Amino acid sequence: MMRRLFAPLLLLVLAAPAFATPTDVANSARDLAYGAYQRGDYRAAMTEAKKRVEANPKDAAALTLIGRLYLEGDGVKRDMKTAMDWFRKGADAGGAEAAYLYGVASLEGIDVAKDRAKARAYLEKAGAQEHAAALELLGEMALENDGKEPDFAKAMSFFKRASAAGNPDADYAIAVLYKTGKGVEKDPKQAAEWFKRASDAGLAPAMVEYAILQFNGQGVERDKAAAAELLRKAALKGNAVAQNRLAHLYAEGLGVEVDLKAAKDWRDKAKAQGLSDSSLDFLSNAPEPQKPAAPSEAAPQPAKK
């Protein structure tokens, strides 16, 4: 039902700093290991991080950084299994980011044994520290609920906490629940508000959903031109659904001027991603736009008397 990102997730989450707790961030200017990591001096980062671990085996931030260096292959040979070992140590020492990463790995069986119960336990460790991505993932797990009836109340609770921590995927998930009426009363206005929050954060699927509501005037004031512009932004992010919808708008002149070339271009981009649409096949034979005729030479002016 929701946006599942597990398999490639360990690579995507690397955008977040290894020292993710408020204390670590506040002290980062005095942290030699983190400073070296930021400069790209990964060997020095490893050396300093290991010094910290020798001084304090429960230094969660240093343990997490070592795991990250092995995961990225920065300054050392890339070694996922070793990375997971360090993340487990970091998680057991109380590191939220390490608990999240190890939880994801356990959920998907990424260089550790696949173990859903263990995954939940580590994600809950991260969630207890209001780790946004962990909370969002726990919400998805509550919906799946090990194949039983979805626990919508628990899912919504996790999503709301993740949203408060700044996770746009959680905003999107809340919007979907309000849109479909799953676990809550169906509410197009609430759905639109939550889709807009995720859309404003740059989440392309949310842009598509909000644009559709905006185009149809469901839960939000109708504005076809604004909807078309939002679809264009999502299409530029590579979202195939947005590209397909935008092709329809250009083909039919809805919210934009008719532009068969643009319609064909966007249709082809969506098709290249596997989203075919037979209703747009006519664009293959659409006439090319006519170039404006060259201006004729000006007629000679009569001679002045």
C-alpha atoms as a PDB file:
ATOM      1  CA  MET A   1       0.000   0.000   0.000  1.00  0.00           C
ATOM      2  CA  MET A   2       2.772   2.426   0.881  1.00  0.00           C
ATOM      3  CA  ARG A   3       6.025   3.324  -0.772  1.00  0.00           C
ATOM      4  CA  ARG A   4       8.424   0.461  -0.079  1.00  0.00           C
ATOM      5  CA  LEU A   5      12.108   1.352  -0.369  1.00  0.00           C
ATOM      6  CA  PHE A   6      13.846  -1.487   1.436  1.00  0.00           C
ATOM      7  CA  ALA A   7      16.290  -3.135  -0.942  1.00  0.00           C
ATOM      8  CA  PRO A   8      18.198  -0.012  -2.054  1.00  0.00           C
ATOM      9  CA  LEU A   9      17.569   1.751   1.236  1.00  0.00           C
ATOM     10  CA  LEU A  10      21.006   1.348   2.761  1.00  0.00           C
ATOM     11  CA  LEU A  11      22.480   3.311  -0.127  1.00  0.00           C
ATOM     12  CA  LEU A  12      19.824   6.014  -0.003  1.00  0.00           C
ATOM     13  CA  VAL A  13      20.123   6.696   3.717  1.00  0.00           C
ATOM     14  CA  LEU A  14      23.795   7.569   3.404  1.00  0.00           C
ATOM     15  CA  ALA A  15      22.785  11.157   2.747  1.00  0.00           C
ATOM     16  CA  ALA A  16      22.233  11.528   6.495  1.00  0.00           C
ATOM     17  CA  PRO A  17      25.293  12.204   8.674  1.00  0.00           C
ATOM     18  CA  ALA A  18      26.705   9.323  10.654  1.00  0.00           C
ATOM     19  CA  PHE A  19      26.586  11.423  13.811  1.00  0.00           C
ATOM     20  CA  ALA A  20      22.873  11.935  13.820  1.00  0.00           C
ATOM     21  CA  THR A  21      21.966  12.611  17.444  1.00  0.00           C
ATOM     22  CA  PRO A  22      21.556  16.224  18.641  1.00  0.00           C
ATOM     23  CA  THR A  23      24.519  15.911  20.990  1.00  0.00           C
ATOM     24  CA  ASP A  24      26.740  14.616  18.210  1.00  0.00           C
ATOM     25  CA  VAL A  25      25.703  17.393  15.864  1.00  0.00           C
ATOM     26  CA  ALA A  26      26.233  20.027  18.537  1.00  0.00           C
ATOM     27  CA  ASN A  27      29.721  18.703  19.248  1.00  0.00           C
ATOM     28  CA  SER A  28      30.671  18.008  15.622  1.00  0.00           C
ATOM     29  CA  ALA A  29      32.983  21.028  15.465  1.00  0.00           C
ATOM     30  CA  ARG A  30      35.111  19.424  18.201  1.00  0.00           C
ATOM     31  CA  ASP A  31      34.913  15.930  16.737  1.00  0.00           C
ATOM     32  CA  LEU A  32      38.085  14.998  14.874  1.00  0.00           C
ATOM     33  CA  ALA A  33      36.608  11.831  13.379  1.00  0.00           C
ATOM     34  CA  TYR A  34      33.495  13.533  12.054  1.00  0.00           C
ATOM     35  CA  GLY A  35      35.506  16.512  10.816  1.00  0.00           C
ATOM     36  CA  ALA A  36      37.814  14.228   8.858  1.00  0.00           C
ATOM     37  CA  TYR A  37      34.805  12.408   7.404  1.00  0.00           C
ATOM     38  CA  GLN A  38      33.274  15.687   6.228  1.00  0.00           C
ATOM     39  CA  ARG A  39      36.569  16.717   4.604  1.00  0.00           C
ATOM     40  CA  GLY A  40      36.780  13.401   2.765  1.00  0.00           C
ATOM     41  CA  ASP A  41      39.853  12.277   4.713  1.00  0.00           C
ATOM     42  CA  TYR A  42      38.400   8.833   5.363  1.00  0.00           C
ATOM     43  CA  ARG A  43      41.556   7.164   6.626  1.00  0.00           C
ATOM     44  CA  ALA A  44      41.882   9.826   9.301  1.00  0.00           C
ATOM     45  CA  ALA A  45      38.184   9.465  10.091  1.00  0.00           C
ATOM     46  CA  MET A  46      38.646   5.721  10.628  1.00  0.00           C
ATOM     47  CA  THR A  47      41.736   6.245  12.781  1.00  0.00           C
ATOM     48  CA  GLU A  48      40.049   8.848  14.974  1.00  0.00           C
ATOM     49  CA  ALA A  49      36.817   6.841  15.239  1.00  0.00           C
ATOM     50  CA  LYS A  50      38.724   3.745  16.355  1.00  0.00           C
ATOM     51  CA  LYS A  51      40.587   5.830  18.942  1.00  0.00           C
ATOM     52  CA  ARG A  52      37.232   6.893  20.314  1.00  0.00           C
ATOM     53  CA  VAL A  53      36.007   3.302  20.448  1.00  0.00           C
ATOM     54  CA  GLU A  54      39.163   2.228  22.261  1.00  0.00           C
ATOM     55  CA  ALA A  55      38.520   4.950  24.815  1.00  0.00           C
ATOM     56  CA  ASN A  56      34.810   4.169  25.028  1.00  0.00           C
ATOM     57  CA  PRO A  57      33.515   0.898  23.505  1.00  0.00           C
ATOM     58  CA  LYS A  58      29.960   2.282  23.816  1.00  0.00           C
ATOM     59  CA  ASP A  59      30.604   5.377  21.687  1.00  0.00           C
ATOM     60  CA  ALA A  60      27.592   4.920  19.403  1.00  0.00           C
ATOM     61  CA  ALA A  61      28.513   7.732  17.035  1.00  0.00           C
ATOM     62  CA  ALA A  62      32.031   6.415  16.448  1.00  0.00           C
ATOM     63  CA  LEU A  63      30.753   2.856  15.998  1.00  0.00           C
ATOM     64  CA  THR A  64      28.220   4.077  13.457  1.00  0.00           C
ATOM     65  CA  LEU A  65      30.834   6.053  11.558  1.00  0.00           C
ATOM     66  CA  ILE A  66      33.087   3.002  11.250  1.00  0.00           C
ATOM     67  CA  GLY A  67      30.134   1.036   9.916  1.00  0.00           C
ATOM     68  CA  ARG A  68      29.394   3.774   7.419  1.00  0.00           C
ATOM     69  CA  LEU A  69      32.988   3.826   6.168  1.00  0.00           C
ATOM     70  CA  TYR A  70      32.841   0.079   5.508  1.00  0.00           C
ATOM     71  CA  LEU A  71      29.420   0.426   3.902  1.00  0.00           C
ATOM     72  CA  GLU A  72      30.583   3.173   1.561  1.00  0.00           C
ATOM     73  CA  GLY A  73      34.039   1.733   0.981  1.00  0.00           C
ATOM     74  CA  ASP A  74      35.643   5.016   2.018  1.00  0.00           C
ATOM     75  CA  GLY A  75      39.242   4.639   3.124  1.00  0.00           C
ATOM     76  CA  VAL A  76      38.757   0.867   3.407  1.00  0.00           C
ATOM     77  CA  LYS A  77      37.627  -1.939   1.134  1.00  0.00           C
ATOM     78  CA  ARG A  78      33.838  -1.996   0.958  1.00  0.00           C
ATOM     79  CA  ASP A  79      32.581  -4.769   3.222  1.00  0.00           C
ATOM     80  CA  MET A  80      28.853  -4.947   3.892  1.00  0.00           C
ATOM     81  CA  LYS A  81      29.069  -7.741   6.450  1.00  0.00           C
ATOM     82  CA  THR A  82      31.657  -5.853   8.489  1.00  0.00           C
ATOM     83  CA  ALA A  83      29.558  -2.702   8.174  1.00  0.00           C
ATOM     84  CA  MET A  84      26.570  -4.545   9.601  1.00  0.00           C
ATOM     85  CA  ASP A  85      28.651  -5.789  12.520  1.00  0.00           C
ATOM     86  CA  TRP A  86      29.607  -2.213  13.381  1.00  0.00           C
ATOM     87  CA  PHE A  87      26.046  -0.977  12.964  1.00  0.00           C
ATOM     88  CA  ARG A  88      24.843  -3.684  15.357  1.00  0.00           C
ATOM     89  CA  LYS A  89      27.430  -2.569  17.908  1.00  0.00           C
ATOM     90  CA  GLY A  90      26.410   1.046  17.402  1.00  0.00           C
ATOM     91  CA  ALA A  91      22.746   0.153  17.803  1.00  0.00           C
ATOM     92  CA  ASP A  92      23.401  -1.849  20.967  1.00  0.00           C
ATOM     93  CA  ALA A  93      25.299   1.159  22.310  1.00  0.00           C
ATOM     94  CA  GLY A  94      22.204   3.301  21.815  1.00  0.00           C
ATOM     95  CA  GLY A  95      22.786   4.803  18.355  1.00  0.00           C
ATOM     96  CA  ALA A  96      19.529   5.621  16.585  1.00  0.00           C
ATOM     97  CA  GLU A  97      20.960   5.729  13.065  1.00  0.00           C
ATOM     98  CA  ALA A  98      22.831   2.459  13.561  1.00  0.00           C
ATOM     99  CA  ALA A  99      19.677   0.817  14.945  1.00  0.00           C
ATOM    100  CA  TYR A 100      17.733   1.991  11.918  1.00  0.00           C
ATOM    101  CA  LEU A 101      20.329   0.737   9.438  1.00  0.00           C
ATOM    102  CA  TYR A 102      20.701  -2.610  11.171  1.00  0.00           C
ATOM    103  CA  GLY A 103      16.928  -2.911  11.416  1.00  0.00           C
ATOM    104  CA  VAL A 104      16.527  -2.361   7.675  1.00  0.00           C
ATOM    105  CA  ALA A 105      19.283  -4.875   6.948  1.00  0.00           C
ATOM    106  CA  SER A 106      17.578  -7.463   9.181  1.00  0.00           C
ATOM    107  CA  LEU A 107      14.232  -6.815   7.551  1.00  0.00           C
ATOM    108  CA  GLU A 108      15.597  -7.408   4.065  1.00  0.00           C
ATOM    109  CA  GLY A 109      18.369  -9.899   4.846  1.00  0.00           C
ATOM    110  CA  ILE A 110      21.098  -7.566   3.606  1.00  0.00           C
ATOM    111  CA  ASP A 111      24.338  -9.284   4.668  1.00  0.00           C
ATOM    112  CA  VAL A 112      22.666 -10.453   7.879  1.00  0.00           C
ATOM    113  CA  ALA A 113      20.061 -13.140   8.493  1.00  0.00           C
ATOM    114  CA  LYS A 114      16.576 -12.032   7.505  1.00  0.00           C
ATOM    115  CA  ASP A 115      14.696 -11.701  10.767  1.00  0.00           C
ATOM    116  CA  ARG A 116      11.527  -9.626  10.941  1.00  0.00           C
ATOM    117  CA  ALA A 117      11.268  -9.777  14.740  1.00  0.00           C
ATOM    118  CA  LYS A 118      14.849  -8.600  15.148  1.00  0.00           C
ATOM    119  CA  ALA A 119      14.272  -5.909  12.550  1.00  0.00           C
ATOM    120  CA  ARG A 120      11.271  -4.593  14.452  1.00  0.00           C
ATOM    121  CA  ALA A 121      13.220  -4.605  17.715  1.00  0.00           C
ATOM    122  CA  TYR A 122      16.041  -2.508  16.261  1.00  0.00           C
ATOM    123  CA  LEU A 123      13.690  -0.174  14.428  1.00  0.00           C
ATOM    124  CA  GLU A 124      11.835   0.353  17.692  1.00  0.00           C
ATOM    125  CA  LYS A 125      15.157   1.244  19.349  1.00  0.00           C
ATOM    126  CA  ALA A 126      15.625   3.913  16.710  1.00  0.00           C
ATOM    127  CA  GLY A 127      11.996   4.975  16.904  1.00  0.00           C
ATOM    128  CA  ALA A 128      12.255   5.443  20.663  1.00  0.00           C
ATOM    129  CA  GLN A 129      14.678   8.253  19.817  1.00  0.00           C
ATOM    130  CA  GLU A 130      12.179   9.687  17.295  1.00  0.00           C
ATOM    131  CA  HIS A 131      14.237   8.585  14.289  1.00  0.00           C
ATOM    132  CA  ALA A 132      11.940   9.705  11.485  1.00  0.00           C
ATOM    133  CA  ALA A 133      12.678   7.027   8.883  1.00  0.00           C
ATOM    134  CA  ALA A 134      12.482   4.240  11.463  1.00  0.00           C
ATOM    135  CA  LEU A 135       9.094   5.465  12.639  1.00  0.00           C
ATOM    136  CA  GLU A 136       7.791   5.625   9.064  1.00  0.00           C
ATOM    137  CA  LEU A 137       8.987   2.089   8.409  1.00  0.00           C
ATOM    138  CA  LEU A 138       7.384   0.852  11.622  1.00  0.00           C
ATOM    139  CA  GLY A 139       4.158   2.370  10.362  1.00  0.00           C
ATOM    140  CA  GLU A 140       4.414   0.377   7.146  1.00  0.00           C
ATOM    141  CA  MET A 141       5.121  -2.773   9.133  1.00  0.00           C
ATOM    142  CA  ALA A 142       2.013  -2.121  11.222  1.00  0.00           C
ATOM    143  CA  LEU A 143      -0.025  -1.996   8.028  1.00  0.00           C
ATOM    144  CA  GLU A 144       1.482  -5.275   6.827  1.00  0.00           C
ATOM    145  CA  ASN A 145       1.127  -6.703  10.343  1.00  0.00           C
ATOM    146  CA  ASP A 146       2.772 -10.009   9.464  1.00  0.00           C
ATOM    147  CA  GLY A 147      -0.022 -10.934   7.066  1.00  0.00           C
ATOM    148  CA  LYS A 148      -2.820 -10.305   9.566  1.00  0.00           C
ATOM    149  CA  GLU A 149      -5.364  -7.494   9.538  1.00  0.00           C
ATOM    150  CA  PRO A 150      -3.591  -4.128   9.282  1.00  0.00           C
ATOM    151  CA  ASP A 151      -3.208  -2.275  12.564  1.00  0.00           C
ATOM    152  CA  PHE A 152      -4.279   1.112  11.270  1.00  0.00           C
ATOM    153  CA  ALA A 153      -4.263   2.820  14.660  1.00  0.00           C
ATOM    154  CA  LYS A 154      -0.660   1.811  15.357  1.00  0.00           C
ATOM    155  CA  ALA A 155       0.373   2.709  11.810  1.00  0.00           C
ATOM    156  CA  MET A 156      -1.181   6.165  12.066  1.00  0.00           C
ATOM    157  CA  SER A 157       0.529   6.735  15.409  1.00  0.00           C
ATOM    158  CA  PHE A 158       3.928   5.887  13.907  1.00  0.00           C
ATOM    159  CA  PHE A 159       3.249   7.983  10.804  1.00  0.00           C
ATOM    160  CA  LYS A 160       2.220  11.009  12.874  1.00  0.00           C
ATOM    161  CA  ARG A 161       5.411  10.770  14.940  1.00  0.00           C
ATOM    162  CA  ALA A 162       7.511  10.360  11.799  1.00  0.00           C
ATOM    163  CA  SER A 163       5.794  13.364  10.264  1.00  0.00           C
ATOM    164  CA  ALA A 164       6.519  15.448  13.352  1.00  0.00           C
ATOM    165  CA  ALA A 165      10.169  14.425  12.945  1.00  0.00           C
ATOM    166  CA  GLY A 166      10.134  15.734   9.368  1.00  0.00           C
ATOM    167  CA  ASN A 167       9.574  12.622   7.237  1.00  0.00           C
ATOM    168  CA  PRO A 168       7.613  13.388   4.020  1.00  0.00           C
ATOM    169  CA  ASP A 169       7.026   9.674   3.326  1.00  0.00           C
ATOM    170  CA  ALA A 170       4.970   9.634   6.518  1.00  0.00           C
ATOM    171  CA  ASP A 171       2.972  12.650   5.317  1.00  0.00           C
ATOM    172  CA  TYR A 172       2.285  10.730   2.113  1.00  0.00           C
ATOM    173  CA  ALA A 173       1.229   7.623   4.041  1.00  0.00           C
ATOM    174  CA  ILE A 174      -1.185   9.617   6.204  1.00  0.00           C
ATOM    175  CA  ALA A 175      -2.643  11.197   3.077  1.00  0.00           C
ATOM    176  CA  VAL A 176      -3.212   7.774   1.509  1.00  0.00           C
ATOM    177  CA  LEU A 177      -5.093   6.595   4.602  1.00  0.00           C
ATOM    178  CA  TYR A 178      -7.363   9.641   4.493  1.00  0.00           C
ATOM    179  CA  LYS A 179      -7.821   9.297   0.729  1.00  0.00           C
ATOM    180  CA  THR A 180      -8.820   5.627   0.952  1.00  0.00           C
ATOM    181  CA  GLY A 181     -10.608   5.778   4.303  1.00  0.00           C
ATOM    182  CA  LYS A 182      -8.460   2.978   5.721  1.00  0.00           C
ATOM    183  CA  GLY A 183      -8.458   3.131   9.512  1.00  0.00           C
ATOM    184  CA  VAL A 184      -9.881   6.656   9.438  1.00  0.00           C
ATOM    185  CA  GLU A 185     -12.954   8.287   7.980  1.00  0.00           C
ATOM    186  CA  LYS A 186     -12.455   9.076   4.307  1.00  0.00           C
ATOM    187  CA  ASP A 187     -11.609  12.771   4.099  1.00  0.00           C
ATOM    188  CA  PRO A 188     -10.529  14.363   0.786  1.00  0.00           C
ATOM    189  CA  LYS A 189      -9.649  17.643   2.513  1.00  0.00           C
ATOM    190  CA  GLN A 190      -7.320  15.951   5.000  1.00  0.00           C
ATOM    191  CA  ALA A 191      -5.861  13.860   2.193  1.00  0.00           C
ATOM    192  CA  ALA A 192      -5.163  16.993   0.167  1.00  0.00           C
ATOM    193  CA  GLU A 193      -3.525  18.738   3.127  1.00  0.00           C
ATOM    194  CA  TRP A 194      -1.200  15.819   3.843  1.00  0.00           C
ATOM    195  CA  PHE A 195      -0.379  15.261   0.163  1.00  0.00           C
ATOM    196  CA  LYS A 196       0.482  18.957  -0.089  1.00  0.00           C
ATOM    197  CA  ARG A 197       2.859  18.705   2.864  1.00  0.00           C
ATOM    198  CA  ALA A 198       4.696  15.834   1.213  1.00  0.00           C
ATOM    199  CA  SER A 199       4.537  17.574  -2.151  1.00  0.00           C
ATOM    200  CA  ASP A 200       6.024  20.771  -0.735  1.00  0.00           C
ATOM    201  CA  ALA A 201       8.887  18.642   0.613  1.00  0.00           C
ATOM    202  CA  GLY A 202       9.629  17.513  -2.957  1.00  0.00           C
ATOM    203  CA  LEU A 203       8.175  13.989  -2.869  1.00  0.00           C
ATOM    204  CA  ALA A 204       7.242  13.273  -6.486  1.00  0.00           C
ATOM    205  CA  PRO A 205       4.439  10.717  -5.843  1.00  0.00           C
ATOM    206  CA  ALA A 206       2.808  13.212  -3.493  1.00  0.00           C
ATOM    207  CA  MET A 207       3.092  15.894  -6.172  1.00  0.00           C
ATOM    208  CA  VAL A 208       1.180  13.613  -8.527  1.00  0.00           C
ATOM    209  CA  GLU A 209      -1.536  12.838  -5.987  1.00  0.00           C
ATOM    210  CA  TYR A 210      -1.983  16.465  -4.972  1.00  0.00           C
ATOM    211  CA  ALA A 211      -2.043  17.586  -8.599  1.00  0.00           C
ATOM    212  CA  ILE A 212      -4.824  15.094  -9.366  1.00  0.00           C
ATOM    213  CA  LEU A 213      -6.883  16.348  -6.419  1.00  0.00           C
ATOM    214  CA  GLN A 214      -6.182  19.934  -7.449  1.00  0.00           C
ATOM    215  CA  PHE A 215      -7.119  19.237 -11.071  1.00  0.00           C
ATOM    216  CA  ASN A 216     -10.433  17.682 -10.023  1.00  0.00           C
ATOM    217  CA  GLY A 217     -11.144  20.075  -7.163  1.00  0.00           C
ATOM    218  CA  GLN A 218     -11.312  17.299  -4.565  1.00  0.00           C
ATOM    219  CA  GLY A 219     -10.496  18.498  -1.061  1.00  0.00           C
ATOM    220  CA  VAL A 220      -8.835  21.585  -2.500  1.00  0.00           C
ATOM    221  CA  GLU A 221      -9.817  24.442  -4.782  1.00  0.00           C
ATOM    222  CA  ARG A 222      -9.821  23.412  -8.427  1.00  0.00           C
ATOM    223  CA  ASP A 223      -6.911  24.813 -10.420  1.00  0.00           C
ATOM    224  CA  LYS A 224      -6.043  22.963 -13.621  1.00  0.00           C
ATOM    225  CA  ALA A 225      -3.104  25.217 -14.520  1.00  0.00           C
ATOM    226  CA  ALA A 226      -1.481  24.792 -11.096  1.00  0.00           C
ATOM    227  CA  ALA A 227      -2.065  21.047 -11.287  1.00  0.00           C
ATOM    228  CA  ALA A 228      -0.378  20.890 -14.687  1.00  0.00           C
ATOM    229  CA  GLU A 229       2.611  22.825 -13.371  1.00  0.00           C
ATOM    230  CA  LEU A 230       2.940  20.500 -10.381  1.00  0.00           C
ATOM    231  CA  LEU A 231       2.780  17.464 -12.666  1.00  0.00           C
ATOM    232  CA  ARG A 232       5.521  19.037 -14.765  1.00  0.00           C
ATOM    233  CA  LYS A 233       7.735  19.364 -11.677  1.00  0.00           C
ATOM    234  CA  ALA A 234       7.130  15.733 -10.754  1.00  0.00           C
ATOM    235  CA  ALA A 235       7.738  14.673 -14.363  1.00  0.00           C
ATOM    236  CA  LEU A 236      11.070  16.484 -14.352  1.00  0.00           C
ATOM    237  CA  LYS A 237      11.985  14.424 -11.275  1.00  0.00           C
ATOM    238  CA  GLY A 238      11.501  11.315 -13.432  1.00  0.00           C
ATOM    239  CA  ASN A 239       8.137  10.183 -12.096  1.00  0.00           C
ATOM    240  CA  ALA A 240       6.572   8.036 -14.828  1.00  0.00           C
ATOM    241  CA  VAL A 241       2.978   8.587 -13.700  1.00  0.00           C
ATOM    242  CA  ALA A 242       3.482  12.346 -13.795  1.00  0.00           C
ATOM    243  CA  GLN A 243       5.021  12.071 -17.258  1.00  0.00           C
ATOM    244  CA  ASN A 244       2.053  10.056 -18.484  1.00  0.00           C
ATOM    245  CA  ARG A 245      -0.510  12.433 -16.987  1.00  0.00           C
ATOM    246  CA  LEU A 246       1.317  15.428 -18.381  1.00  0.00           C
ATOM    247  CA  ALA A 247       1.274  13.849 -21.842  1.00  0.00           C
ATOM    248  CA  HIS A 248      -2.511  13.635 -21.610  1.00  0.00           C
ATOM    249  CA  LEU A 249      -2.795  17.266 -20.563  1.00  0.00           C
ATOM    250  CA  TYR A 250      -0.672  18.470 -23.478  1.00  0.00           C
ATOM    251  CA  ALA A 251      -2.527  16.208 -25.906  1.00  0.00           C
ATOM    252  CA  GLU A 252      -5.941  17.456 -24.794  1.00  0.00           C
ATOM    253  CA  GLY A 253      -5.102  21.034 -23.842  1.00  0.00           C
ATOM    254  CA  LEU A 254      -6.169  20.674 -20.225  1.00  0.00           C
ATOM    255  CA  GLY A 255      -4.579  23.302 -18.007  1.00  0.00           C
ATOM    256  CA  VAL A 256      -2.029  23.955 -20.766  1.00  0.00           C
ATOM    257  CA  GLU A 257      -2.088  24.830 -24.436  1.00  0.00           C
ATOM    258  CA  VAL A 258      -2.316  21.868 -26.806  1.00  0.00           C
ATOM    259  CA  ASP A 259       1.229  20.803 -27.671  1.00  0.00           C
ATOM    260  CA  LEU A 260       1.400  17.427 -29.423  1.00  0.00           C
ATOM    261  CA  LYS A 261       5.191  17.432 -29.547  1.00  0.00           C
ATOM    262  CA  ALA A 262       5.425  17.945 -25.779  1.00  0.00           C
ATOM    263  CA  ALA A 263       2.743  15.296 -25.289  1.00  0.00           C
ATOM    264  CA  LYS A 264       4.716  12.819 -27.376  1.00  0.00           C
ATOM    265  CA  ASP A 265       7.977  13.630 -25.584  1.00  0.00           C
ATOM    266  CA  TRP A 266       6.432  13.042 -22.147  1.00  0.00           C
ATOM    267  CA  ARG A 267       4.626   9.919 -23.332  1.00  0.00           C
ATOM    268  CA  ASP A 268       7.920   8.495 -24.580  1.00  0.00           C
ATOM    269  CA  LYS A 269       9.662   9.281 -21.286  1.00  0.00           C
ATOM    270  CA  ALA A 270       6.945   7.436 -19.362  1.00  0.00           C
ATOM    271  CA  LYS A 271       7.015   4.563 -21.840  1.00  0.00           C
ATOM    272  CA  ALA A 272      10.785   4.228 -21.452  1.00  0.00           C
ATOM    273  CA  GLN A 273      10.142   3.534 -17.760  1.00  0.00           C
ATOM    274  CA  GLY A 274       7.626   0.817 -18.574  1.00  0.00           C
ATOM    275  CA  LEU A 275       4.415   2.837 -18.380  1.00  0.00           C
ATOM    276  CA  SER A 276       2.688   2.303 -21.716  1.00  0.00           C
ATOM    277  CA  ASP A 277      -0.649   3.928 -22.550  1.00  0.00           C
ATOM    278  CA  SER A 278      -2.476   2.864 -25.702  1.00  0.00           C
ATOM    279  CA  SER A 279      -4.711   5.934 -25.541  1.00  0.00           C
ATOM    280  CA  LEU A 280      -1.649   8.028 -26.396  1.00  0.00           C
ATOM    281  CA  ASP A 281      -0.551   5.903 -29.366  1.00  0.00           C
ATOM    282  CA  PHE A 282      -2.091   8.377 -31.800  1.00  0.00           C
ATOM    283  CA  LEU A 283       0.722  10.775 -30.916  1.00  0.00           C
ATOM    284  CA  SER A 284       3.141   8.640 -32.940  1.00  0.00           C
ATOM    285  CA  ASN A 285       1.409   9.857 -36.110  1.00  0.00           C
ATOM    286  CA  ALA A 286       0.656  13.344 -34.896  1.00  0.00           C
ATOM    287  CA  PRO A 287       1.787  16.042 -37.331  1.00  0.00           C
ATOM    288  CA  GLU A 288       4.913  17.918 -36.447  1.00  0.00           C
ATOM    289  CA  PRO A 289       4.258  21.509 -35.462  1.00  0.00           C
ATOM    290  CA  GLN A 290       4.481  23.812 -38.432  1.00  0.00           C
ATOM    291  CA  LYS A 291       7.334  26.257 -38.470  1.00  0.00           C
ATOM    292  CA  PRO A 292       6.204  29.839 -39.003  1.00  0.00           C
ATOM    293  CA  ALA A 293       6.646  30.955 -42.608  1.00  0.00           C
ATOM    294  CA  ALA A 294       9.593  33.197 -43.296  1.00  0.00           C
ATOM    295  CA  PRO A 295       8.495  36.814 -43.568  1.00  0.00           C
ATOM    296  CA  SER A 296       8.141  37.921 -47.155  1.00  0.00           C
ATOM    297  CA  GLU A 297      10.189  40.786 -48.454  1.00  0.00           C
ATOM    298  CA  ALA A 298       8.572  44.082 -47.746  1.00  0.00           C
ATOM    299  CA  ALA A 299       6.800  45.652 -50.695  1.00  0.00           C
ATOM    300  CA  PRO A 300       8.656  48.610 -52.155  1.00  0.00           C
ATOM    301  CA  GLN A 301       7.476  51.892 -50.819  1.00  0.00           C
ATOM    302  CA  PRO A 302       6.261  54.506 -53.232  1.00  0.00           C
ATOM    303  CA  ALA A 303       8.768  57.214 -53.947  1.00  0.00           C
ATOM    304  CA  LYS A 304       8.258  60.359 -52.015  1.00  0.00           C
ATOM    305  CA  LYS A 305       7.147  63.298 -54.084  1.00  0.00           C
END
